[in-house]
Amino acid sequence: MTFKPHIKLFYLGLLVMAYMVCCLPFFPVFYLSPQRYRKTNARMVSRVSGILLRVLGVTVHRNRTPVRLKPGCFIVSNHLSYIDVLILSTLFPGCFVTSVEIRQTPFLGHITALAGCLFVERRSRRFLGRETREIRSALQNGLNVIVFPEGTSTNGDTVLRFKQPLFQAALDAGKDILPVGICYETINHCPVTPQTGTWSSGMGT
């Protein structure tokens, strides 16, 4: 199904608003049982992400046999575009680890909070122990946790140094770590190059 750009924008806005309206009544559950909320919400986010990918015209191909994950897997991936979040959420329902700066961003912060994201303070190690415990708790409760270990998006030419402390949560929880690599092949039917890469356009297939 192909939509014109302005139709895509309309549907994107409609889907995001519908998602927020659906989540709001259940958000109080977050304060009573955060992990239960995240597990239930992960399935909703996964479905919405799949719809958004179809609206955007993004086709996802797996290069290997689909992985059968055990409950509570620590998934690490490179980060090239905001589309990465939709792809990973569709393939691996779970919760994402993102920065406190995102939580403090208007509108985007509300969406990530409703999505059940786990927030870390990357500018300071002050709360590292608490953040690690929260991630470990999510994993132990059978929730997939998805992390971009480089801590930022890149053009994919090089691999930045990983934010290692977060891996300790997976080790402490005794959970599997699944590495995932995302590669965009074409944008609007044109091959991806350093000049047309997803880091500048944010779109890819």
N, C-alpha and C. Protein backbone atom coordinates (compact mmCIF):
# COMPACT_ATOMS: atom_id res chain seq x y z
N MET A 1 0.84 -1.18 0.00
CA MET A 1 0.00 0.00 0.00
C MET A 1 0.88 1.24 0.00
N THR A 2 0.65 2.19 -0.93
CA THR A 2 1.47 3.38 -1.05
C THR A 2 0.62 4.62 -0.80
N PHE A 3 1.14 5.53 0.02
CA PHE A 3 0.44 6.76 0.34
C PHE A 3 1.28 7.95 -0.09
N LYS A 4 0.62 9.05 -0.47
CA LYS A 4 1.32 10.28 -0.76
C LYS A 4 1.85 10.87 0.55
N PRO A 5 2.92 11.70 0.47
CA PRO A 5 3.54 12.22 1.69
C PRO A 5 2.58 12.87 2.67
N HIS A 6 1.66 13.71 2.18
CA HIS A 6 0.76 14.39 3.10
C HIS A 6 -0.24 13.42 3.72
N ILE A 7 -0.56 12.35 2.99
CA ILE A 7 -1.45 11.32 3.56
C ILE A 7 -0.70 10.52 4.62
N LYS A 8 0.59 10.24 4.37
CA LYS A 8 1.41 9.56 5.36
C LYS A 8 1.47 10.36 6.66
N LEU A 9 1.69 11.67 6.53
CA LEU A 9 1.78 12.53 7.70
C LEU A 9 0.47 12.51 8.48
N PHE A 10 -0.63 12.54 7.77
CA PHE A 10 -1.94 12.52 8.42
C PHE A 10 -2.13 11.21 9.20
N TYR A 11 -1.82 10.10 8.56
CA TYR A 11 -1.99 8.80 9.21
C TYR A 11 -1.03 8.63 10.38
N LEU A 12 0.18 9.15 10.24
CA LEU A 12 1.13 9.08 11.34
C LEU A 12 0.60 9.80 12.57
N GLY A 13 0.13 11.02 12.35
CA GLY A 13 -0.42 11.79 13.45
C GLY A 13 -1.63 11.11 14.07
N LEU A 14 -2.47 10.55 13.22
CA LEU A 14 -3.68 9.87 13.70
C LEU A 14 -3.33 8.64 14.54
N LEU A 15 -2.36 7.87 14.07
CA LEU A 15 -1.95 6.66 14.79
C LEU A 15 -1.30 6.98 16.13
N VAL A 16 -0.45 8.01 16.14
CA VAL A 16 0.20 8.41 17.39
C VAL A 16 -0.83 8.87 18.40
N MET A 17 -1.79 9.68 17.95
CA MET A 17 -2.82 10.17 18.86
C MET A 17 -3.69 9.02 19.36
N ALA A 18 -4.03 8.10 18.46
CA ALA A 18 -4.84 6.95 18.86
C ALA A 18 -4.10 6.09 19.88
N TYR A 19 -2.81 5.93 19.66
CA TYR A 19 -2.00 5.16 20.60
C TYR A 19 -2.00 5.81 21.97
N MET A 20 -1.81 7.11 22.02
CA MET A 20 -1.77 7.82 23.29
C MET A 20 -3.11 7.74 24.02
N VAL A 21 -4.19 7.87 23.27
CA VAL A 21 -5.53 7.78 23.88
C VAL A 21 -5.77 6.39 24.46
N CYS A 22 -5.29 5.36 23.75
CA CYS A 22 -5.47 3.98 24.22
C CYS A 22 -4.64 3.70 25.47
N CYS A 23 -3.45 4.32 25.55
CA CYS A 23 -2.54 4.04 26.67
C CYS A 23 -2.91 4.80 27.93
N LEU A 24 -3.42 6.00 27.78
CA LEU A 24 -3.65 6.86 28.94
C LEU A 24 -4.48 6.21 30.05
N PRO A 25 -5.59 5.51 29.72
CA PRO A 25 -6.38 4.92 30.80
C PRO A 25 -5.61 3.88 31.61
N PHE A 26 -4.61 3.25 31.01
CA PHE A 26 -3.85 2.20 31.69
C PHE A 26 -2.59 2.72 32.36
N PHE A 27 -2.25 4.00 32.12
CA PHE A 27 -0.99 4.52 32.64
C PHE A 27 -0.92 4.51 34.17
N PRO A 28 -2.03 4.72 34.90
CA PRO A 28 -1.94 4.62 36.37
C PRO A 28 -1.42 3.27 36.85
N VAL A 29 -1.62 2.22 36.04
CA VAL A 29 -1.10 0.89 36.40
C VAL A 29 0.42 0.92 36.50
N PHE A 30 1.04 1.84 35.74
CA PHE A 30 2.50 1.95 35.73
C PHE A 30 3.04 2.18 37.13
N TYR A 31 2.35 3.02 37.90
CA TYR A 31 2.83 3.36 39.24
C TYR A 31 2.59 2.23 40.23
N LEU A 32 1.63 1.36 39.94
CA LEU A 32 1.36 0.22 40.81
C LEU A 32 2.24 -0.97 40.46
N SER A 33 2.41 -1.20 39.15
CA SER A 33 3.22 -2.34 38.69
C SER A 33 3.88 -1.98 37.36
N PRO A 34 5.02 -1.29 37.41
CA PRO A 34 5.69 -0.84 36.18
C PRO A 34 5.97 -1.97 35.19
N GLN A 35 6.46 -3.11 35.69
CA GLN A 35 6.83 -4.18 34.78
C GLN A 35 5.60 -4.81 34.13
N ARG A 36 4.52 -4.93 34.87
CA ARG A 36 3.28 -5.46 34.29
C ARG A 36 2.77 -4.53 33.20
N TYR A 37 2.83 -3.23 33.44
CA TYR A 37 2.40 -2.26 32.43
C TYR A 37 3.26 -2.38 31.19
N ARG A 38 4.58 -2.48 31.39
CA ARG A 38 5.49 -2.55 30.24
C ARG A 38 5.25 -3.81 29.41
N LYS A 39 5.01 -4.93 30.05
CA LYS A 39 4.80 -6.18 29.32
C LYS A 39 3.53 -6.11 28.48
N THR A 40 2.46 -5.56 29.06
CA THR A 40 1.19 -5.44 28.33
C THR A 40 1.32 -4.42 27.22
N ASN A 41 1.97 -3.31 27.52
CA ASN A 41 2.08 -2.23 26.56
C ASN A 41 3.01 -2.57 25.40
N ALA A 42 4.00 -3.43 25.64
CA ALA A 42 4.95 -3.80 24.59
C ALA A 42 4.24 -4.41 23.39
N ARG A 43 3.21 -5.20 23.65
CA ARG A 43 2.47 -5.82 22.55
C ARG A 43 1.72 -4.77 21.73
N MET A 44 1.15 -3.77 22.43
CA MET A 44 0.44 -2.71 21.72
C MET A 44 1.40 -1.87 20.88
N VAL A 45 2.54 -1.54 21.47
CA VAL A 45 3.55 -0.75 20.75
C VAL A 45 4.03 -1.51 19.52
N SER A 46 4.20 -2.81 19.64
CA SER A 46 4.65 -3.63 18.52
C SER A 46 3.65 -3.59 17.36
N ARG A 47 2.37 -3.70 17.69
CA ARG A 47 1.34 -3.66 16.65
C ARG A 47 1.28 -2.29 15.97
N VAL A 48 1.32 -1.23 16.77
CA VAL A 48 1.28 0.12 16.22
C VAL A 48 2.51 0.37 15.34
N SER A 49 3.66 -0.11 15.77
CA SER A 49 4.89 0.06 14.99
C SER A 49 4.78 -0.63 13.64
N GLY A 50 4.20 -1.83 13.62
CA GLY A 50 4.01 -2.54 12.35
C GLY A 50 3.13 -1.77 11.39
N ILE A 51 2.07 -1.15 11.93
CA ILE A 51 1.17 -0.34 11.09
C ILE A 51 1.91 0.88 10.56
N LEU A 52 2.68 1.53 11.42
CA LEU A 52 3.42 2.72 11.00
C LEU A 52 4.42 2.39 9.89
N LEU A 53 5.06 1.24 9.98
CA LEU A 53 6.00 0.85 8.93
C LEU A 53 5.29 0.67 7.60
N ARG A 54 4.10 0.07 7.63
CA ARG A 54 3.34 -0.10 6.38
C ARG A 54 2.92 1.25 5.81
N VAL A 55 2.49 2.16 6.67
CA VAL A 55 2.08 3.49 6.22
C VAL A 55 3.26 4.23 5.58
N LEU A 56 4.44 4.08 6.19
CA LEU A 56 5.64 4.75 5.67
C LEU A 56 6.23 4.05 4.45
N GLY A 57 5.73 2.87 4.15
CA GLY A 57 6.24 2.14 2.99
C GLY A 57 7.56 1.48 3.24
N VAL A 58 7.84 1.14 4.51
CA VAL A 58 9.11 0.51 4.87
C VAL A 58 8.95 -1.01 4.87
N THR A 59 9.79 -1.69 4.13
CA THR A 59 9.78 -3.15 4.06
C THR A 59 10.99 -3.69 4.81
N VAL A 60 10.74 -4.61 5.71
CA VAL A 60 11.81 -5.17 6.54
C VAL A 60 12.13 -6.58 6.09
N HIS A 61 13.42 -6.85 5.84
CA HIS A 61 13.88 -8.19 5.45
C HIS A 61 14.83 -8.71 6.52
N ARG A 62 14.64 -9.97 6.90
CA ARG A 62 15.56 -10.61 7.82
C ARG A 62 16.55 -11.44 7.02
N ASN A 63 17.82 -11.29 7.32
CA ASN A 63 18.85 -12.03 6.59
C ASN A 63 19.06 -13.43 7.14
N ARG A 64 18.49 -13.70 8.32
CA ARG A 64 18.68 -15.00 8.94
C ARG A 64 17.34 -15.55 9.42
N THR A 65 17.35 -16.82 9.79
CA THR A 65 16.14 -17.44 10.31
C THR A 65 15.68 -16.70 11.55
N PRO A 66 14.38 -16.40 11.68
CA PRO A 66 13.88 -15.70 12.86
C PRO A 66 14.35 -16.34 14.16
N VAL A 67 14.78 -15.50 15.07
CA VAL A 67 15.32 -15.98 16.35
C VAL A 67 14.18 -16.26 17.32
N ARG A 68 14.26 -17.42 17.99
CA ARG A 68 13.30 -17.74 19.04
C ARG A 68 13.87 -17.27 20.37
N LEU A 69 13.33 -16.18 20.86
CA LEU A 69 13.88 -15.60 22.08
C LEU A 69 13.27 -16.23 23.32
N LYS A 70 14.11 -16.40 24.33
CA LYS A 70 13.61 -16.77 25.64
C LYS A 70 13.06 -15.50 26.29
N PRO A 71 12.09 -15.63 27.18
CA PRO A 71 11.52 -14.44 27.84
C PRO A 71 12.61 -13.63 28.54
N GLY A 72 12.58 -12.33 28.32
CA GLY A 72 13.54 -11.46 28.97
C GLY A 72 14.90 -11.50 28.31
N CYS A 73 15.01 -10.93 27.11
CA CYS A 73 16.27 -10.94 26.36
C CYS A 73 16.80 -9.51 26.27
N PHE A 74 18.11 -9.36 26.41
CA PHE A 74 18.77 -8.07 26.31
C PHE A 74 19.22 -7.90 24.86
N ILE A 75 18.55 -7.02 24.13
CA ILE A 75 18.78 -6.86 22.69
C ILE A 75 19.57 -5.58 22.44
N VAL A 76 20.69 -5.70 21.75
CA VAL A 76 21.53 -4.53 21.44
C VAL A 76 21.59 -4.35 19.93
N SER A 77 21.52 -3.09 19.50
CA SER A 77 21.47 -2.82 18.06
C SER A 77 22.19 -1.52 17.75
N ASN A 78 22.67 -1.42 16.50
CA ASN A 78 23.17 -0.14 16.01
C ASN A 78 21.99 0.80 15.81
N HIS A 79 22.29 2.09 15.67
CA HIS A 79 21.22 3.09 15.59
C HIS A 79 21.50 4.04 14.44
N LEU A 80 20.69 3.94 13.38
CA LEU A 80 20.89 4.75 12.18
C LEU A 80 19.80 5.78 11.95
N SER A 81 18.60 5.53 12.48
CA SER A 81 17.45 6.35 12.13
C SER A 81 16.35 6.16 13.16
N TYR A 82 15.40 7.10 13.21
CA TYR A 82 14.28 6.92 14.12
C TYR A 82 13.40 5.74 13.69
N ILE A 83 13.54 5.29 12.44
CA ILE A 83 12.80 4.13 11.97
C ILE A 83 13.26 2.86 12.69
N ASP A 84 14.50 2.88 13.19
CA ASP A 84 15.04 1.72 13.91
C ASP A 84 14.10 1.27 15.03
N VAL A 85 13.56 2.23 15.76
CA VAL A 85 12.69 1.92 16.89
C VAL A 85 11.46 1.15 16.44
N LEU A 86 10.87 1.57 15.32
CA LEU A 86 9.68 0.88 14.81
C LEU A 86 10.02 -0.53 14.37
N ILE A 87 11.17 -0.69 13.70
CA ILE A 87 11.58 -2.01 13.20
C ILE A 87 11.82 -2.97 14.37
N LEU A 88 12.61 -2.52 15.34
CA LEU A 88 12.94 -3.39 16.46
C LEU A 88 11.72 -3.71 17.30
N SER A 89 10.84 -2.74 17.47
CA SER A 89 9.63 -2.98 18.26
C SER A 89 8.73 -3.99 17.57
N THR A 90 8.67 -3.93 16.25
CA THR A 90 7.85 -4.89 15.49
C THR A 90 8.41 -6.30 15.59
N LEU A 91 9.73 -6.42 15.49
CA LEU A 91 10.36 -7.74 15.51
C LEU A 91 10.48 -8.32 16.91
N PHE A 92 10.76 -7.44 17.88
CA PHE A 92 11.03 -7.90 19.25
C PHE A 92 10.24 -7.04 20.24
N PRO A 93 8.99 -7.36 20.48
CA PRO A 93 8.21 -6.57 21.44
C PRO A 93 8.94 -6.48 22.78
N GLY A 94 9.09 -5.28 23.29
CA GLY A 94 9.79 -5.08 24.55
C GLY A 94 9.81 -3.61 24.90
N CYS A 95 10.72 -3.21 25.75
CA CYS A 95 10.84 -1.80 26.11
C CYS A 95 12.24 -1.31 25.77
N PHE A 96 12.33 -0.04 25.45
CA PHE A 96 13.60 0.56 25.05
C PHE A 96 14.24 1.30 26.22
N VAL A 97 15.55 1.35 26.19
CA VAL A 97 16.30 2.17 27.14
C VAL A 97 16.68 3.45 26.40
N THR A 98 16.30 4.58 26.95
CA THR A 98 16.62 5.85 26.33
C THR A 98 17.07 6.84 27.40
N SER A 99 17.40 8.03 26.97
CA SER A 99 18.02 8.99 27.88
C SER A 99 16.98 9.84 28.63
N VAL A 100 17.42 10.37 29.75
CA VAL A 100 16.58 11.28 30.51
C VAL A 100 16.28 12.53 29.70
N GLU A 101 17.21 12.94 28.82
CA GLU A 101 16.98 14.11 27.98
C GLU A 101 15.74 13.92 27.10
N ILE A 102 15.55 12.69 26.59
CA ILE A 102 14.36 12.41 25.79
C ILE A 102 13.11 12.52 26.66
N ARG A 103 13.20 12.01 27.88
CA ARG A 103 12.04 12.08 28.80
C ARG A 103 11.65 13.52 29.05
N GLN A 104 12.60 14.43 29.03
CA GLN A 104 12.33 15.83 29.31
C GLN A 104 11.95 16.63 28.08
N THR A 105 11.92 15.98 26.91
CA THR A 105 11.55 16.65 25.66
C THR A 105 10.03 16.70 25.53
N PRO A 106 9.45 17.88 25.29
CA PRO A 106 7.99 17.98 25.15
C PRO A 106 7.44 17.04 24.08
N PHE A 107 6.31 16.46 24.33
CA PHE A 107 5.59 15.53 23.45
C PHE A 107 6.33 14.21 23.29
N LEU A 108 7.57 14.26 22.82
CA LEU A 108 8.34 13.02 22.67
C LEU A 108 8.53 12.34 24.02
N GLY A 109 8.73 13.13 25.05
CA GLY A 109 8.87 12.58 26.38
C GLY A 109 7.61 11.87 26.84
N HIS A 110 6.45 12.43 26.50
CA HIS A 110 5.18 11.80 26.86
C HIS A 110 5.00 10.48 26.14
N ILE A 111 5.36 10.44 24.86
CA ILE A 111 5.22 9.21 24.07
C ILE A 111 6.11 8.11 24.63
N THR A 112 7.36 8.45 24.94
CA THR A 112 8.29 7.43 25.45
C THR A 112 7.86 6.94 26.83
N ALA A 113 7.31 7.84 27.65
CA ALA A 113 6.83 7.42 28.96
C ALA A 113 5.65 6.47 28.83
N LEU A 114 4.71 6.80 27.94
CA LEU A 114 3.55 5.94 27.72
C LEU A 114 3.97 4.61 27.13
N ALA A 115 5.08 4.61 26.38
CA ALA A 115 5.56 3.37 25.77
C ALA A 115 6.29 2.49 26.78
N GLY A 116 6.46 2.99 28.01
CA GLY A 116 7.11 2.18 29.04
C GLY A 116 8.62 2.13 28.94
N CYS A 117 9.23 3.15 28.34
CA CYS A 117 10.69 3.17 28.21
C CYS A 117 11.37 3.23 29.58
N LEU A 118 12.58 2.73 29.62
CA LEU A 118 13.44 2.85 30.79
C LEU A 118 14.41 4.00 30.52
N PHE A 119 14.53 4.92 31.46
CA PHE A 119 15.33 6.12 31.23
C PHE A 119 16.64 6.07 32.03
N VAL A 120 17.73 6.46 31.37
CA VAL A 120 19.04 6.50 32.03
C VAL A 120 19.64 7.89 31.86
N GLU A 121 20.40 8.29 32.86
CA GLU A 121 21.11 9.57 32.83
C GLU A 121 22.50 9.35 32.29
N ARG A 122 22.69 9.67 31.02
CA ARG A 122 23.97 9.40 30.36
C ARG A 122 25.03 10.46 30.68
N ARG A 123 24.60 11.57 31.27
CA ARG A 123 25.56 12.64 31.57
C ARG A 123 26.22 12.46 32.94
N SER A 124 25.72 11.50 33.72
CA SER A 124 26.26 11.29 35.06
C SER A 124 26.09 9.83 35.46
N ARG A 125 27.00 9.32 36.28
CA ARG A 125 26.92 7.95 36.77
C ARG A 125 26.24 7.89 38.14
N ARG A 126 25.68 9.00 38.58
CA ARG A 126 25.11 9.10 39.92
C ARG A 126 24.01 8.08 40.16
N PHE A 127 23.15 7.88 39.14
CA PHE A 127 22.01 6.99 39.32
C PHE A 127 22.21 5.64 38.63
N LEU A 128 23.44 5.32 38.29
CA LEU A 128 23.73 4.11 37.52
C LEU A 128 23.25 2.85 38.23
N GLY A 129 23.46 2.77 39.53
CA GLY A 129 23.04 1.58 40.27
C GLY A 129 21.53 1.37 40.20
N ARG A 130 20.77 2.43 40.39
CA ARG A 130 19.31 2.32 40.33
C ARG A 130 18.85 1.96 38.93
N GLU A 131 19.45 2.57 37.93
CA GLU A 131 19.06 2.30 36.54
C GLU A 131 19.35 0.86 36.16
N THR A 132 20.49 0.35 36.60
CA THR A 132 20.84 -1.04 36.33
C THR A 132 19.85 -1.99 36.98
N ARG A 133 19.45 -1.68 38.21
CA ARG A 133 18.46 -2.52 38.91
C ARG A 133 17.12 -2.53 38.19
N GLU A 134 16.71 -1.40 37.63
CA GLU A 134 15.43 -1.32 36.91
C GLU A 134 15.47 -2.18 35.65
N ILE A 135 16.60 -2.12 34.94
CA ILE A 135 16.74 -2.93 33.73
C ILE A 135 16.76 -4.42 34.10
N ARG A 136 17.50 -4.75 35.14
CA ARG A 136 17.56 -6.14 35.60
C ARG A 136 16.19 -6.65 36.00
N SER A 137 15.42 -5.82 36.69
CA SER A 137 14.06 -6.20 37.11
C SER A 137 13.17 -6.47 35.90
N ALA A 138 13.28 -5.62 34.88
CA ALA A 138 12.49 -5.82 33.66
C ALA A 138 12.84 -7.15 33.00
N LEU A 139 14.12 -7.45 32.91
CA LEU A 139 14.57 -8.71 32.30
C LEU A 139 14.09 -9.91 33.11
N GLN A 140 14.20 -9.83 34.42
CA GLN A 140 13.79 -10.94 35.28
C GLN A 140 12.29 -11.18 35.23
N ASN A 141 11.54 -10.15 34.86
CA ASN A 141 10.09 -10.28 34.72
C ASN A 141 9.68 -10.72 33.31
N GLY A 142 10.67 -11.15 32.51
CA GLY A 142 10.37 -11.70 31.19
C GLY A 142 10.14 -10.67 30.11
N LEU A 143 10.62 -9.45 30.33
CA LEU A 143 10.43 -8.38 29.34
C LEU A 143 11.71 -8.19 28.53
N ASN A 144 11.59 -8.18 27.21
CA ASN A 144 12.74 -7.86 26.37
C ASN A 144 13.14 -6.41 26.58
N VAL A 145 14.43 -6.17 26.72
CA VAL A 145 14.94 -4.81 26.87
C VAL A 145 15.84 -4.50 25.69
N ILE A 146 15.54 -3.40 24.98
CA ILE A 146 16.26 -3.05 23.76
C ILE A 146 17.12 -1.82 23.99
N VAL A 147 18.39 -1.93 23.63
CA VAL A 147 19.37 -0.87 23.92
C VAL A 147 20.16 -0.53 22.66
N PHE A 148 20.43 0.77 22.48
CA PHE A 148 21.39 1.22 21.47
C PHE A 148 22.68 1.52 22.24
N PRO A 149 23.60 0.55 22.32
CA PRO A 149 24.76 0.67 23.22
C PRO A 149 25.73 1.78 22.87
N GLU A 150 25.68 2.29 21.64
CA GLU A 150 26.56 3.41 21.28
C GLU A 150 26.07 4.72 21.90
N GLY A 151 24.80 4.73 22.32
CA GLY A 151 24.27 5.90 23.00
C GLY A 151 23.83 7.03 22.09
N THR A 152 23.93 6.84 20.77
CA THR A 152 23.53 7.88 19.83
C THR A 152 23.37 7.26 18.46
N SER A 153 22.79 8.00 17.53
CA SER A 153 22.68 7.51 16.15
C SER A 153 23.94 7.87 15.38
N THR A 154 24.29 7.05 14.40
CA THR A 154 25.49 7.28 13.59
C THR A 154 25.16 7.02 12.13
N ASN A 155 26.15 7.24 11.26
CA ASN A 155 25.95 6.93 9.85
C ASN A 155 26.33 5.50 9.52
N GLY A 156 26.77 4.75 10.52
CA GLY A 156 27.08 3.35 10.31
C GLY A 156 28.47 3.05 9.80
N ASP A 157 29.26 4.10 9.55
CA ASP A 157 30.61 3.86 9.02
C ASP A 157 31.53 3.22 10.07
N THR A 158 31.34 3.61 11.32
CA THR A 158 32.17 3.09 12.39
C THR A 158 31.29 2.68 13.57
N VAL A 159 31.87 1.96 14.50
CA VAL A 159 31.17 1.57 15.71
C VAL A 159 31.74 2.37 16.87
N LEU A 160 30.89 3.11 17.56
CA LEU A 160 31.34 3.90 18.70
C LEU A 160 31.51 3.01 19.93
N ARG A 161 32.18 3.54 20.92
CA ARG A 161 32.38 2.80 22.16
C ARG A 161 31.04 2.53 22.84
N PHE A 162 30.84 1.28 23.26
CA PHE A 162 29.58 0.90 23.90
C PHE A 162 29.49 1.46 25.32
N LYS A 163 28.25 1.76 25.73
CA LYS A 163 27.98 2.13 27.11
C LYS A 163 27.90 0.82 27.91
N GLN A 164 29.02 0.39 28.43
CA GLN A 164 29.15 -0.94 29.01
C GLN A 164 28.34 -1.21 30.28
N PRO A 165 28.16 -0.26 31.19
CA PRO A 165 27.47 -0.58 32.46
C PRO A 165 26.11 -1.22 32.29
N LEU A 166 25.38 -0.88 31.22
CA LEU A 166 24.04 -1.43 31.04
C LEU A 166 24.08 -2.94 30.80
N PHE A 167 25.19 -3.44 30.25
CA PHE A 167 25.31 -4.87 30.01
C PHE A 167 25.35 -5.65 31.33
N GLN A 168 25.76 -4.98 32.39
CA GLN A 168 25.84 -5.65 33.68
C GLN A 168 24.47 -6.12 34.14
N ALA A 169 23.42 -5.38 33.76
CA ALA A 169 22.07 -5.76 34.14
C ALA A 169 21.70 -7.12 33.57
N ALA A 170 22.08 -7.36 32.30
CA ALA A 170 21.79 -8.64 31.66
C ALA A 170 22.60 -9.76 32.32
N LEU A 171 23.85 -9.46 32.67
CA LEU A 171 24.69 -10.47 33.33
C LEU A 171 24.14 -10.80 34.71
N ASP A 172 23.72 -9.79 35.46
CA ASP A 172 23.18 -10.01 36.80
C ASP A 172 21.87 -10.80 36.74
N ALA A 173 21.08 -10.55 35.68
CA ALA A 173 19.79 -11.24 35.54
C ALA A 173 19.95 -12.63 34.95
N GLY A 174 21.15 -12.95 34.42
CA GLY A 174 21.39 -14.25 33.81
C GLY A 174 20.63 -14.44 32.52
N LYS A 175 20.46 -13.36 31.75
CA LYS A 175 19.67 -13.40 30.53
C LYS A 175 20.55 -13.36 29.28
N ASP A 176 19.99 -13.87 28.18
CA ASP A 176 20.71 -13.88 26.91
C ASP A 176 20.86 -12.46 26.37
N ILE A 177 21.96 -12.24 25.63
CA ILE A 177 22.19 -10.97 24.95
C ILE A 177 22.14 -11.24 23.44
N LEU A 178 21.24 -10.55 22.75
CA LEU A 178 21.07 -10.75 21.30
C LEU A 178 21.56 -9.53 20.55
N PRO A 179 22.65 -9.66 19.75
CA PRO A 179 23.11 -8.54 18.92
C PRO A 179 22.30 -8.47 17.62
N VAL A 180 21.92 -7.27 17.25
CA VAL A 180 21.14 -7.05 16.03
C VAL A 180 21.81 -5.96 15.21
N GLY A 181 21.91 -6.19 13.89
CA GLY A 181 22.47 -5.18 13.00
C GLY A 181 21.43 -4.71 12.00
N ILE A 182 21.22 -3.40 11.92
CA ILE A 182 20.26 -2.82 10.99
C ILE A 182 21.01 -2.17 9.83
N CYS A 183 20.57 -2.46 8.62
CA CYS A 183 21.19 -1.89 7.42
C CYS A 183 20.08 -1.46 6.46
N TYR A 184 20.07 -0.21 6.07
CA TYR A 184 19.08 0.28 5.11
C TYR A 184 19.65 0.18 3.70
N GLU A 185 18.88 -0.44 2.82
CA GLU A 185 19.37 -0.70 1.46
C GLU A 185 18.97 0.38 0.47
N THR A 186 17.72 0.84 0.54
CA THR A 186 17.25 1.84 -0.41
C THR A 186 16.38 2.88 0.29
N ILE A 187 16.37 4.08 -0.27
CA ILE A 187 15.46 5.15 0.15
C ILE A 187 14.77 5.66 -1.11
N ASN A 188 13.45 5.52 -1.14
CA ASN A 188 12.70 5.90 -2.34
C ASN A 188 13.26 5.21 -3.58
N HIS A 189 13.59 3.92 -3.41
CA HIS A 189 14.07 3.06 -4.49
C HIS A 189 15.48 3.42 -4.97
N CYS A 190 16.18 4.28 -4.23
CA CYS A 190 17.56 4.62 -4.57
C CYS A 190 18.49 4.02 -3.54
N PRO A 191 19.65 3.48 -3.94
CA PRO A 191 20.59 2.87 -2.99
C PRO A 191 21.02 3.87 -1.92
N VAL A 192 21.18 3.39 -0.72
CA VAL A 192 21.65 4.23 0.37
C VAL A 192 23.15 4.48 0.22
N THR A 193 23.55 5.73 0.29
CA THR A 193 24.95 6.13 0.23
C THR A 193 25.22 7.11 1.37
N PRO A 194 26.49 7.46 1.62
CA PRO A 194 26.77 8.45 2.67
C PRO A 194 26.06 9.78 2.43
N GLN A 195 25.69 10.08 1.18
CA GLN A 195 25.02 11.34 0.87
C GLN A 195 23.50 11.24 1.06
N THR A 196 22.94 10.02 0.96
CA THR A 196 21.49 9.86 1.06
C THR A 196 21.12 8.96 2.23
N GLY A 197 22.03 8.83 3.20
CA GLY A 197 21.84 7.88 4.28
C GLY A 197 20.68 8.22 5.19
N THR A 198 20.30 7.23 5.98
CA THR A 198 19.15 7.38 6.85
C THR A 198 19.38 8.40 7.94
N TRP A 199 20.66 8.70 8.24
CA TRP A 199 20.91 9.66 9.32
C TRP A 199 20.51 11.07 8.91
N SER A 200 20.37 11.33 7.60
CA SER A 200 19.96 12.66 7.16
C SER A 200 18.47 12.69 6.81
N SER A 201 17.95 11.60 6.30
CA SER A 201 16.54 11.60 5.89
C SER A 201 15.62 10.93 6.88
N GLY A 202 16.19 9.98 7.63
CA GLY A 202 15.37 9.26 8.60
C GLY A 202 14.45 8.24 8.00
N MET A 203 14.56 7.97 6.72
CA MET A 203 13.70 7.01 6.05
C MET A 203 14.53 5.95 5.37
N GLY A 204 14.02 4.74 5.32
CA GLY A 204 14.76 3.71 4.62
C GLY A 204 13.95 2.45 4.50
N THR A 205 14.37 1.55 3.61
CA THR A 205 13.71 0.25 3.46
C THR A 205 14.76 -0.82 3.41
